[in-house]
C-alpha atoms as a PDB file:
ATOM      1  CA  MET A   1      89.358  -5.992  40.864  1.00  0.00           C
ATOM      2  CA  ALA A   2      90.135  -4.332  37.537  1.00  0.00           C
ATOM      3  CA  LYS A   3      88.344  -4.832  34.253  1.00  0.00           C
ATOM      4  CA  ILE A   4      91.065  -5.100  31.606  1.00  0.00           C
ATOM      5  CA  LEU A   5      90.305  -4.661  27.916  1.00  0.00           C
ATOM      6  CA  ILE A   6      92.874  -6.218  25.599  1.00  0.00           C
ATOM      7  CA  TYR A   7      92.952  -5.733  21.857  1.00  0.00           C
ATOM      8  CA  ASN A   8      94.251  -8.962  20.358  1.00  0.00           C
ATOM      9  CA  ASN A   9      96.230  -7.782  17.332  1.00  0.00           C
ATOM     10  CA  ALA A  10      96.502 -11.358  16.070  1.00  0.00           C
ATOM     11  CA  ASN A  11      92.785 -11.861  15.457  1.00  0.00           C
ATOM     12  CA  ASP A  12      91.412  -8.270  15.528  1.00  0.00           C
ATOM     13  CA  ARG A  13      89.242  -8.987  18.554  1.00  0.00           C
ATOM     14  CA  MET A  14      88.647  -7.201  21.825  1.00  0.00           C
ATOM     15  CA  GLU A  15      89.039  -9.386  24.915  1.00  0.00           C
ATOM     16  CA  VAL A  16      87.915  -8.743  28.493  1.00  0.00           C
ATOM     17  CA  TYR A  17      89.655  -9.951  31.657  1.00  0.00           C
ATOM     18  CA  TYR A  18      89.097  -9.373  35.369  1.00  0.00           C
ATOM     19  CA  ARG A  19      92.213  -9.355  37.549  1.00  0.00           C
ATOM     20  CA  GLY A  20      93.171  -8.353  41.077  1.00  0.00           C
ATOM     21  CA  GLU A  21      95.879  -5.780  41.715  1.00  0.00           C
ATOM     22  CA  GLN A  22      98.439  -8.439  42.688  1.00  0.00           C
ATOM     23  CA  GLU A  23      97.689 -10.663  39.700  1.00  0.00           C
ATOM     24  CA  TRP A  24      99.626 -10.625  36.455  1.00  0.00           C
ATOM     25  CA  MET A  25      98.510  -8.691  33.406  1.00  0.00           C
ATOM     26  CA  PRO A  26      96.912 -10.744  30.601  1.00  0.00           C
ATOM     27  CA  TYR A  27      99.515 -12.091  28.151  1.00  0.00           C
ATOM     28  CA  ASN A  28     102.278 -11.404  30.687  1.00  0.00           C
ATOM     29  CA  THR A  29     104.661 -14.356  31.049  1.00  0.00           C
ATOM     30  CA  ASN A  30     106.698 -15.335  34.107  1.00  0.00           C
ATOM     31  CA  GLY A  31     104.871 -12.849  36.343  1.00  0.00           C
ATOM     32  CA  THR A  32     106.954  -9.787  35.497  1.00  0.00           C
ATOM     33  CA  LEU A  33     104.144  -7.199  35.345  1.00  0.00           C
ATOM     34  CA  LYS A  34     101.385  -6.979  37.919  1.00  0.00           C
ATOM     35  CA  VAL A  35      98.099  -5.182  37.374  1.00  0.00           C
ATOM     36  CA  LYS A  36      99.032  -2.615  40.036  1.00  0.00           C
ATOM     37  CA  GLU A  37     102.314  -1.883  38.211  1.00  0.00           C
ATOM     38  CA  PHE A  38     100.572  -1.381  34.887  1.00  0.00           C
ATOM     39  CA  ARG A  39      97.929   0.774  36.591  1.00  0.00           C
ATOM     40  CA  GLY A  40     100.515   3.114  38.079  1.00  0.00           C
ATOM     41  CA  SER A  41      98.724   6.135  39.544  1.00  0.00           C
ATOM     42  CA  SER A  42      95.466   5.664  37.623  1.00  0.00           C
ATOM     43  CA  ARG A  43      92.323   5.327  39.735  1.00  0.00           C
ATOM     44  CA  SER A  44      90.245   3.849  36.925  1.00  0.00           C
ATOM     45  CA  ASN A  45      88.246   0.633  37.354  1.00  0.00           C
ATOM     46  CA  ILE A  46      88.896  -0.061  33.662  1.00  0.00           C
ATOM     47  CA  LEU A  47      92.351  -0.499  32.125  1.00  0.00           C
ATOM     48  CA  TRP A  48      93.342  -1.312  28.547  1.00  0.00           C
ATOM     49  CA  THR A  49      96.257  -2.290  26.374  1.00  0.00           C
ATOM     50  CA  ASP A  50      96.919  -4.643  23.479  1.00  0.00           C
ATOM     51  CA  ARG A  51      98.554  -8.016  22.950  1.00  0.00           C
ATOM     52  CA  ASN A  52     101.493  -6.575  21.023  1.00  0.00           C
ATOM     53  CA  THR A  53     102.407  -4.309  23.952  1.00  0.00           C
ATOM     54  CA  MET A  54     102.346  -7.194  26.417  1.00  0.00           C
ATOM     55  CA  ARG A  55     104.444  -9.345  24.100  1.00  0.00           C
ATOM     56  CA  ALA A  56     106.930  -6.484  23.700  1.00  0.00           C
ATOM     57  CA  TRP A  57     107.160  -6.189  27.481  1.00  0.00           C
ATOM     58  CA  ASN A  58     107.771  -9.948  27.799  1.00  0.00           C
ATOM     59  CA  SER A  59     110.538  -9.881  25.189  1.00  0.00           C
ATOM     60  CA  PHE A  60     112.253  -6.819  26.626  1.00  0.00           C
ATOM     61  CA  ARG A  61     112.009  -8.048  30.219  1.00  0.00           C
ATOM     62  CA  TYR A  62     113.622 -11.337  29.148  1.00  0.00           C
ATOM     63  CA  LEU A  63     116.358  -9.478  27.299  1.00  0.00           C
ATOM     64  CA  TYR A  64     117.014  -7.108  30.206  1.00  0.00           C
ATOM     65  CA  GLY A  65     117.229 -10.076  32.553  1.00  0.00           C
ATOM     66  CA  LYS A  66     116.084  -8.487  35.810  1.00  0.00           C
ATOM     67  CA  PRO A  67     113.095  -6.655  37.305  1.00  0.00           C
ATOM     68  CA  ILE A  68     112.077  -3.380  35.667  1.00  0.00           C
ATOM     69  CA  PRO A  69     110.613  -0.858  38.145  1.00  0.00           C
ATOM     70  CA  VAL A  70     107.559   0.763  36.551  1.00  0.00           C
ATOM     71  CA  GLY A  71     106.698   4.328  37.500  1.00  0.00           C
ATOM     72  CA  TYR A  72     103.874   5.055  35.073  1.00  0.00           C
ATOM     73  CA  ALA A  73     102.070   3.026  32.432  1.00  0.00           C
ATOM     74  CA  PHE A  74      98.302   3.520  32.049  1.00  0.00           C
ATOM     75  CA  LYS A  75      96.202   6.665  32.386  1.00  0.00           C
ATOM     76  CA  ARG A  76      92.779   7.663  31.105  1.00  0.00           C
ATOM     77  CA  PRO A  77      92.551  10.992  29.260  1.00  0.00           C
ATOM     78  CA  TYR A  78      90.253  12.596  31.820  1.00  0.00           C
ATOM     79  CA  GLU A  79      92.903  11.882  34.485  1.00  0.00           C
ATOM     80  CA  GLY A  80      95.548  13.845  32.575  1.00  0.00           C
ATOM     81  CA  GLY A  81      99.181  13.908  33.575  1.00  0.00           C
ATOM     82  CA  HIS A  82     100.575  13.501  30.062  1.00  0.00           C
ATOM     83  CA  GLY A  83     100.508  15.240  26.679  1.00  0.00           C
ATOM     84  CA  ALA A  84      97.283  15.408  24.693  1.00  0.00           C
ATOM     85  CA  GLN A  85      98.088  12.427  22.458  1.00  0.00           C
ATOM     86  CA  SER A  86     100.213  10.507  24.933  1.00  0.00           C
ATOM     87  CA  GLN A  87     100.590   6.788  24.320  1.00  0.00           C
ATOM     88  CA  HIS A  88      99.915   6.245  28.035  1.00  0.00           C
ATOM     89  CA  TYR A  89      96.242   6.940  27.350  1.00  0.00           C
ATOM     90  CA  ALA A  90      96.297   4.117  24.787  1.00  0.00           C
ATOM     91  CA  GLY A  91      97.880   1.771  27.336  1.00  0.00           C
ATOM     92  CA  VAL A  92     100.902   1.031  25.145  1.00  0.00           C
ATOM     93  CA  ALA A  93     103.602   3.048  26.967  1.00  0.00           C
ATOM     94  CA  PHE A  94     105.857   2.598  29.990  1.00  0.00           C
ATOM     95  CA  ASP A  95     107.870   5.099  32.023  1.00  0.00           C
ATOM     96  CA  VAL A  96     110.351   3.017  33.999  1.00  0.00           C
ATOM     97  CA  GLY A  97     113.590   3.143  35.966  1.00  0.00           C
ATOM     98  CA  GLN A  98     112.869   6.198  38.100  1.00  0.00           C
ATOM     99  CA  ARG A  99     114.684   4.584  41.040  1.00  0.00           C
ATOM    100  CA  LEU A 100     117.684   3.446  39.016  1.00  0.00           C
ATOM    101  CA  SER A 101     120.988   5.262  38.634  1.00  0.00           C
ATOM    102  CA  ASN A 102     121.783   7.301  35.528  1.00  0.00           C
ATOM    103  CA  SER A 103     124.131   4.559  34.391  1.00  0.00           C
ATOM    104  CA  GLU A 104     121.480   1.875  34.799  1.00  0.00           C
ATOM    105  CA  ARG A 105     118.924   3.988  32.943  1.00  0.00           C
ATOM    106  CA  ASN A 106     121.337   4.579  30.088  1.00  0.00           C
ATOM    107  CA  THR A 107     121.992   0.857  29.839  1.00  0.00           C
ATOM    108  CA  MET A 108     118.272   0.127  29.722  1.00  0.00           C
ATOM    109  CA  ARG A 109     117.568   2.907  27.223  1.00  0.00           C
ATOM    110  CA  ASN A 110     120.355   1.759  24.917  1.00  0.00           C
ATOM    111  CA  LEU A 111     119.082  -1.808  25.084  1.00  0.00           C
ATOM    112  CA  ALA A 112     115.536  -0.672  24.314  1.00  0.00           C
ATOM    113  CA  GLN A 113     116.780   1.246  21.278  1.00  0.00           C
ATOM    114  CA  SER A 114     119.042  -1.482  19.929  1.00  0.00           C
ATOM    115  CA  SER A 115     116.586  -4.325  20.507  1.00  0.00           C
ATOM    116  CA  GLY A 116     114.034  -3.125  17.963  1.00  0.00           C
ATOM    117  CA  ILE A 117     111.285  -4.378  20.280  1.00  0.00           C
ATOM    118  CA  TRP A 118     109.615  -1.008  20.839  1.00  0.00           C
ATOM    119  CA  SER A 119     108.089   1.356  18.283  1.00  0.00           C
ATOM    120  CA  TYR A 120     109.550   4.387  20.066  1.00  0.00           C
ATOM    121  CA  VAL A 121     112.153   5.021  22.753  1.00  0.00           C
ATOM    122  CA  GLU A 122     112.394   8.544  24.176  1.00  0.00           C
ATOM    123  CA  PRO A 123     115.877  10.098  23.935  1.00  0.00           C
ATOM    124  CA  ALA A 124     117.691  10.774  27.211  1.00  0.00           C
ATOM    125  CA  TYR A 125     117.551  14.559  26.885  1.00  0.00           C
ATOM    126  CA  LEU A 126     113.740  14.408  27.041  1.00  0.00           C
ATOM    127  CA  THR A 127     113.506  11.899  29.906  1.00  0.00           C
ATOM    128  CA  PRO A 128     116.764  12.141  31.866  1.00  0.00           C
ATOM    129  CA  THR A 129     115.360  10.653  35.092  1.00  0.00           C
ATOM    130  CA  TRP A 130     113.358   7.791  33.610  1.00  0.00           C
ATOM    131  CA  VAL A 131     113.188   5.629  30.477  1.00  0.00           C
ATOM    132  CA  HIS A 132     110.168   5.836  28.181  1.00  0.00           C
ATOM    133  CA  PHE A 133     109.370   3.196  25.590  1.00  0.00           C
ATOM    134  CA  ASP A 134     106.113   2.351  23.853  1.00  0.00           C
ATOM    135  CA  LYS A 135     104.457   0.185  21.227  1.00  0.00           C
ATOM    136  CA  ARG A 136     102.570   2.968  19.444  1.00  0.00           C
ATOM    137  CA  ALA A 137     100.859   2.633  16.084  1.00  0.00           C
ATOM    138  CA  THR A 138     103.280   3.098  13.218  1.00  0.00           C
ATOM    139  CA  SER A 139     100.934   5.415  11.327  1.00  0.00           C
ATOM    140  CA  SER A 140      99.698   8.808  12.494  1.00  0.00           C
ATOM    141  CA  ALA A 141      96.721  10.960  11.542  1.00  0.00           C
ATOM    142  CA  CYS A 142      98.911  14.053  11.937  1.00  0.00           C
ATOM    143  CA  LEU A 143     102.189  14.625  10.127  1.00  0.00           C
ATOM    144  CA  THR A 144     103.804  15.629  13.408  1.00  0.00           C
ATOM    145  CA  GLY A 145     102.942  12.321  15.078  1.00  0.00           C
ATOM    146  CA  GLY A 146     100.231  11.161  17.441  1.00  0.00           C
ATOM    147  CA  TYR A 147      97.312   8.799  17.164  1.00  0.00           C
ATOM    148  CA  PRO A 148      96.300   6.956  13.986  1.00  0.00           C
ATOM    149  CA  LEU A 149      93.194   7.779  11.979  1.00  0.00           C
ATOM    150  CA  ILE A 150      90.231   5.671  13.090  1.00  0.00           C
ATOM    151  CA  ARG A 151      86.799   5.266  11.529  1.00  0.00           C
ATOM    152  CA  GLN A 152      83.781   2.965  11.535  1.00  0.00           C
ATOM    153  CA  GLY A 153      85.069  -0.599  11.494  1.00  0.00           C
ATOM    154  CA  SER A 154      88.260   0.207  13.427  1.00  0.00           C
ATOM    155  CA  ARG A 155      89.069  -1.701  16.605  1.00  0.00           C
ATOM    156  CA  GLY A 156      91.636  -1.371  19.323  1.00  0.00           C
ATOM    157  CA  VAL A 157      93.119   0.830  22.016  1.00  0.00           C
ATOM    158  CA  TYR A 158      92.841   4.071  20.044  1.00  0.00           C
ATOM    159  CA  VAL A 159      89.115   3.491  19.597  1.00  0.00           C
ATOM    160  CA  LEU A 160      88.944   3.140  23.386  1.00  0.00           C
ATOM    161  CA  VAL A 161      90.725   6.489  23.802  1.00  0.00           C
ATOM    162  CA  ALA A 162      88.215   8.198  21.493  1.00  0.00           C
ATOM    163  CA  GLN A 163      85.208   6.507  23.087  1.00  0.00           C
ATOM    164  CA  ASP A 164      86.443   7.445  26.553  1.00  0.00           C
ATOM    165  CA  GLY A 165      86.812  11.097  25.602  1.00  0.00           C
ATOM    166  CA  LEU A 166      83.477  11.276  23.814  1.00  0.00           C
ATOM    167  CA  ASN A 167      81.581   9.676  26.687  1.00  0.00           C
ATOM    168  CA  THR A 168      83.264  11.898  29.262  1.00  0.00           C
ATOM    169  CA  LEU A 169      82.236  14.958  27.232  1.00  0.00           C
ATOM    170  CA  GLY A 170      78.639  13.733  27.006  1.00  0.00           C
ATOM    171  CA  TYR A 171      78.624  12.137  23.547  1.00  0.00           C
ATOM    172  CA  GLY A 172      77.470   8.587  24.203  1.00  0.00           C
ATOM    173  CA  THR A 173      79.123   5.859  22.154  1.00  0.00           C
ATOM    174  CA  GLY A 174      76.901   3.064  23.392  1.00  0.00           C
ATOM    175  CA  GLY A 175      79.721   1.604  25.472  1.00  0.00           C
ATOM    176  CA  LEU A 176      83.452   1.474  26.049  1.00  0.00           C
ATOM    177  CA  ASP A 177      84.432  -1.573  24.047  1.00  0.00           C
ATOM    178  CA  GLY A 178      87.124  -0.561  21.546  1.00  0.00           C
ATOM    179  CA  ILE A 179      84.850  -1.234  18.576  1.00  0.00           C
ATOM    180  CA  PHE A 180      84.068   1.721  16.287  1.00  0.00           C
ATOM    181  CA  GLY A 181      80.456   1.029  15.402  1.00  0.00           C
ATOM    182  CA  THR A 182      77.508   3.154  14.334  1.00  0.00           C
ATOM    183  CA  ALA A 183      76.929   4.630  17.793  1.00  0.00           C
ATOM    184  CA  THR A 184      80.552   5.749  18.040  1.00  0.00           C
ATOM    185  CA  ARG A 185      80.402   7.245  14.551  1.00  0.00           C
ATOM    186  CA  ASN A 186      77.254   9.188  15.464  1.00  0.00           C
ATOM    187  CA  ALA A 187      78.933  10.457  18.637  1.00  0.00           C
ATOM    188  CA  VAL A 188      81.931  11.630  16.613  1.00  0.00           C
ATOM    189  CA  ILE A 189      79.652  13.452  14.151  1.00  0.00           C
ATOM    190  CA  SER A 190      77.770  15.170  16.989  1.00  0.00           C
ATOM    191  CA  TYR A 191      81.036  16.274  18.552  1.00  0.00           C
ATOM    192  CA  GLN A 192      82.448  17.491  15.231  1.00  0.00           C
ATOM    193  CA  ARG A 193      79.340  19.571  14.545  1.00  0.00           C
ATOM    194  CA  ARG A 194      79.479  21.188  17.966  1.00  0.00           C
ATOM    195  CA  VAL A 195      83.104  22.266  17.617  1.00  0.00           C
ATOM    196  CA  GLY A 196      82.878  23.313  13.956  1.00  0.00           C
ATOM    197  CA  LEU A 197      84.828  20.481  12.332  1.00  0.00           C
ATOM    198  CA  ALA A 198      83.899  18.629   9.153  1.00  0.00           C
ATOM    199  CA  ALA A 199      81.236  16.178  10.341  1.00  0.00           C
ATOM    200  CA  ASP A 200      82.502  13.074   8.560  1.00  0.00           C
ATOM    201  CA  GLY A 201      82.449  10.672  11.518  1.00  0.00           C
ATOM    202  CA  ILE A 202      86.181  10.009  11.120  1.00  0.00           C
ATOM    203  CA  VAL A 203      88.667  10.687  13.902  1.00  0.00           C
ATOM    204  CA  GLY A 204      91.573  12.214  11.995  1.00  0.00           C
ATOM    205  CA  CYS A 205      94.182  14.788  12.929  1.00  0.00           C
ATOM    206  CA  ASN A 206      91.911  17.766  13.663  1.00  0.00           C
ATOM    207  CA  THR A 207      89.327  15.722  15.542  1.00  0.00           C
ATOM    208  CA  TRP A 208      91.995  14.014  17.659  1.00  0.00           C
ATOM    209  CA  ARG A 209      93.549  17.346  18.568  1.00  0.00           C
ATOM    210  CA  SER A 210      90.236  18.929  19.480  1.00  0.00           C
ATOM    211  CA  LEU A 211      88.874  15.915  21.351  1.00  0.00           C
ATOM    212  CA  GLN A 212      91.992  15.309  23.419  1.00  0.00           C
ATOM    213  CA  GLU A 213      92.516  18.961  24.267  1.00  0.00           C
ATOM    214  CA  SER A 214      88.877  19.134  25.396  1.00  0.00           C
ATOM    215  CA  VAL A 215      88.989  16.080  27.655  1.00  0.00           C
ATOM    216  CA  ILE A 216      92.493  16.090  29.164  1.00  0.00           C
ATOM    217  CA  GLU A 217      92.320  16.580  32.938  1.00  0.00           C
ATOM    218  CA  THR A 218      88.570  17.320  32.935  1.00  0.00           C
ATOM    219  CA  GLY A 219      88.103  14.713  35.629  1.00  0.00           C
ATOM    220  CA  GLN A 220      85.463  12.027  35.627  1.00  0.00           C
ATOM    221  CA  THR A 221      81.988  13.259  34.677  1.00  0.00           C
ATOM    222  CA  SER A 222      78.487  11.858  35.100  1.00  0.00           C
ATOM    223  CA  THR A 223      78.690  10.372  31.597  1.00  0.00           C
ATOM    224  CA  THR A 224      82.137   8.767  31.943  1.00  0.00           C
ATOM    225  CA  ILE A 225      81.932   4.980  31.679  1.00  0.00           C
ATOM    226  CA  ASN A 226      83.722   3.373  34.585  1.00  0.00           C
END
């Protein structure tokens, strides 16, 4: 049984669901995405995504008109396997079509690009043997792309990424809930002081880079919330 945290973009609230591996993901229609498919290779008891990502999946799956084999979707930062600011850690990305032919992948990739459903579709030269699309935030804390700036009062999947990293590194946020409150701000400040960053309690470009590079592939620790 997985605990699934969903950020509802429509009302700015965090929602919690409990689903078995063979059950459908929250906000998934017509049973096209099971929990085990979204989980991929992650071993975490906790998964997260947002409503917009699930709605994008529903729309694209309807447009594509047939099953989409999912290779990878969710990962937690401490599990690694992706780049430091990968959208997989935010639960808003899919790597699909690994078992399809090149022609089938090209058809899917072209449809993903032309549909306008996804925020980003990876070009074929970067992912020749799969198709990557995601519903990432449209703003970035770094000019070169990545996660958005978050601060006290922020909510959502990127807050979960930061909280997960901070807790794993021993900076307690008072929970893993996707809500950037006082405890999370204090944890950010403590981390920033330790690594020599401006201790402003805001997770911007430099803090994201440092935090993610510190936590990627560390493995679960005694302070990880799971």
